[in-house]
Amino acid sequence: MAMNGFEWFALVGLMIPLVTLVVGLIVAYFVIRMAVRDGMREALRDDSLRSHLPPRVL
């Protein structure tokens, strides 16, 4: 089944935004996860928060 130029252009035109969206969501997930982990590490240095966290977090 051969695709003409318009079908190929439409397929690529739809795939580029979808791939960009998926890659962006994956990158955002890892960036947010690293930020949360760094934030927890920073919070654990502060002794005032240590008493409010459950023991399994420490």
N, C-alpha and C. Protein backbone atom coordinates (compact mmCIF):
# COMPACT_ATOMS: atom_id res chain seq x y z
N MET A 1 0.85 -1.19 0.00
CA MET A 1 0.00 0.00 0.00
C MET A 1 0.89 1.25 0.00
N ALA A 2 0.97 1.89 -1.13
CA ALA A 2 1.82 3.07 -1.27
C ALA A 2 1.08 4.30 -0.77
N MET A 3 1.83 5.16 -0.13
CA MET A 3 1.24 6.41 0.36
C MET A 3 1.65 7.54 -0.57
N ASN A 4 0.71 8.41 -0.90
CA ASN A 4 1.09 9.56 -1.71
C ASN A 4 1.69 10.64 -0.80
N GLY A 5 2.13 11.71 -1.40
CA GLY A 5 2.83 12.75 -0.65
C GLY A 5 1.98 13.38 0.44
N PHE A 6 0.69 13.57 0.15
CA PHE A 6 -0.17 14.22 1.15
C PHE A 6 -0.37 13.32 2.37
N GLU A 7 -0.58 12.01 2.15
CA GLU A 7 -0.77 11.10 3.28
C GLU A 7 0.49 11.05 4.15
N TRP A 8 1.64 11.01 3.51
CA TRP A 8 2.90 10.96 4.26
C TRP A 8 3.08 12.24 5.06
N PHE A 9 2.78 13.38 4.43
CA PHE A 9 2.90 14.67 5.11
C PHE A 9 1.94 14.75 6.30
N ALA A 10 0.71 14.25 6.12
CA ALA A 10 -0.28 14.28 7.20
C ALA A 10 0.16 13.36 8.34
N LEU A 11 0.68 12.19 8.02
CA LEU A 11 1.13 11.26 9.05
C LEU A 11 2.28 11.84 9.86
N VAL A 12 3.27 12.39 9.17
CA VAL A 12 4.41 13.00 9.87
C VAL A 12 3.94 14.22 10.65
N GLY A 13 3.05 15.00 10.08
CA GLY A 13 2.54 16.19 10.74
C GLY A 13 1.79 15.87 12.02
N LEU A 14 1.15 14.70 12.08
CA LEU A 14 0.47 14.30 13.30
C LEU A 14 1.43 13.65 14.30
N MET A 15 2.42 12.95 13.81
CA MET A 15 3.32 12.21 14.70
C MET A 15 4.28 13.15 15.44
N ILE A 16 4.75 14.20 14.80
CA ILE A 16 5.72 15.10 15.44
C ILE A 16 5.15 15.71 16.73
N PRO A 17 3.95 16.29 16.74
CA PRO A 17 3.43 16.83 18.01
C PRO A 17 3.19 15.75 19.06
N LEU A 18 2.73 14.57 18.64
CA LEU A 18 2.48 13.50 19.60
C LEU A 18 3.77 13.02 20.24
N VAL A 19 4.81 12.82 19.43
CA VAL A 19 6.10 12.39 19.97
C VAL A 19 6.67 13.46 20.87
N THR A 20 6.56 14.72 20.47
CA THR A 20 7.05 15.84 21.29
C THR A 20 6.33 15.87 22.63
N LEU A 21 5.03 15.68 22.61
CA LEU A 21 4.24 15.69 23.84
C LEU A 21 4.66 14.56 24.78
N VAL A 22 4.81 13.36 24.24
CA VAL A 22 5.18 12.20 25.07
C VAL A 22 6.57 12.40 25.66
N VAL A 23 7.54 12.83 24.84
CA VAL A 23 8.89 13.05 25.34
C VAL A 23 8.89 14.15 26.39
N GLY A 24 8.13 15.21 26.17
CA GLY A 24 8.04 16.30 27.14
C GLY A 24 7.46 15.85 28.47
N LEU A 25 6.45 14.99 28.42
CA LEU A 25 5.86 14.48 29.66
C LEU A 25 6.83 13.59 30.42
N ILE A 26 7.59 12.78 29.69
CA ILE A 26 8.59 11.91 30.34
C ILE A 26 9.67 12.76 31.00
N VAL A 27 10.17 13.76 30.29
CA VAL A 27 11.20 14.63 30.85
C VAL A 27 10.66 15.39 32.06
N ALA A 28 9.44 15.90 31.96
CA ALA A 28 8.84 16.63 33.09
C ALA A 28 8.69 15.73 34.30
N TYR A 29 8.32 14.46 34.08
CA TYR A 29 8.18 13.53 35.20
C TYR A 29 9.50 13.37 35.95
N PHE A 30 10.59 13.16 35.19
CA PHE A 30 11.88 12.95 35.85
C PHE A 30 12.39 14.23 36.52
N VAL A 31 12.15 15.39 35.89
CA VAL A 31 12.58 16.65 36.49
C VAL A 31 11.82 16.91 37.79
N ILE A 32 10.51 16.68 37.79
CA ILE A 32 9.71 16.89 39.00
C ILE A 32 10.12 15.89 40.07
N ARG A 33 10.40 14.64 39.67
CA ARG A 33 10.80 13.63 40.65
C ARG A 33 12.13 14.00 41.31
N MET A 34 13.08 14.51 40.50
CA MET A 34 14.36 14.93 41.07
C MET A 34 14.17 16.14 41.99
N ALA A 35 13.30 17.07 41.60
CA ALA A 35 13.07 18.25 42.44
C ALA A 35 12.43 17.86 43.76
N VAL A 36 11.48 16.92 43.73
CA VAL A 36 10.84 16.47 44.97
C VAL A 36 11.86 15.77 45.85
N ARG A 37 12.72 14.95 45.24
CA ARG A 37 13.72 14.23 46.03
C ARG A 37 14.70 15.21 46.67
N ASP A 38 15.13 16.22 45.90
CA ASP A 38 16.03 17.23 46.47
C ASP A 38 15.32 18.03 47.56
N GLY A 39 14.04 18.32 47.35
CA GLY A 39 13.28 19.04 48.36
C GLY A 39 13.14 18.25 49.65
N MET A 40 12.94 16.93 49.52
CA MET A 40 12.86 16.09 50.72
C MET A 40 14.20 16.06 51.44
N ARG A 41 15.28 15.98 50.67
CA ARG A 41 16.61 15.95 51.29
C ARG A 41 16.87 17.26 52.03
N GLU A 42 16.45 18.38 51.42
CA GLU A 42 16.61 19.68 52.06
C GLU A 42 15.73 19.77 53.31
N ALA A 43 14.52 19.22 53.23
CA ALA A 43 13.61 19.28 54.37
C ALA A 43 14.13 18.42 55.52
N LEU A 44 14.79 17.32 55.19
CA LEU A 44 15.28 16.45 56.26
C LEU A 44 16.45 17.09 57.00
N ARG A 45 17.13 18.03 56.37
CA ARG A 45 18.20 18.75 57.08
C ARG A 45 17.64 19.68 58.15
N ASP A 46 16.40 20.12 57.93
CA ASP A 46 15.75 21.02 58.88
C ASP A 46 15.12 20.19 59.98
N ASP A 47 15.58 20.33 61.21
CA ASP A 47 15.11 19.50 62.32
C ASP A 47 13.66 19.79 62.69
N SER A 48 13.15 20.97 62.33
CA SER A 48 11.77 21.27 62.71
C SER A 48 10.78 20.40 61.94
N LEU A 49 11.14 19.97 60.73
CA LEU A 49 10.25 19.12 59.96
C LEU A 49 10.42 17.65 60.30
N ARG A 50 11.53 17.29 60.91
CA ARG A 50 11.82 15.89 61.15
C ARG A 50 10.77 15.24 62.06
N SER A 51 10.24 15.98 63.00
CA SER A 51 9.28 15.39 63.92
C SER A 51 7.92 15.18 63.27
N HIS A 52 7.63 15.85 62.14
CA HIS A 52 6.32 15.73 61.49
C HIS A 52 6.29 14.62 60.46
N LEU A 53 7.45 14.08 60.08
CA LEU A 53 7.48 13.05 59.05
C LEU A 53 7.39 11.66 59.67
N PRO A 54 6.69 10.75 59.00
CA PRO A 54 6.65 9.38 59.51
C PRO A 54 8.04 8.73 59.44
N PRO A 55 8.32 7.76 60.30
CA PRO A 55 9.67 7.19 60.36
C PRO A 55 10.12 6.54 59.06
N ARG A 56 9.20 5.99 58.25
CA ARG A 56 9.63 5.31 57.03
C ARG A 56 10.16 6.28 55.98
N VAL A 57 9.83 7.57 56.08
CA VAL A 57 10.33 8.56 55.13
C VAL A 57 11.79 8.88 55.43
N LEU A 58 12.17 8.81 56.69
CA LEU A 58 13.52 9.21 57.09
C LEU A 58 14.57 8.21 56.66
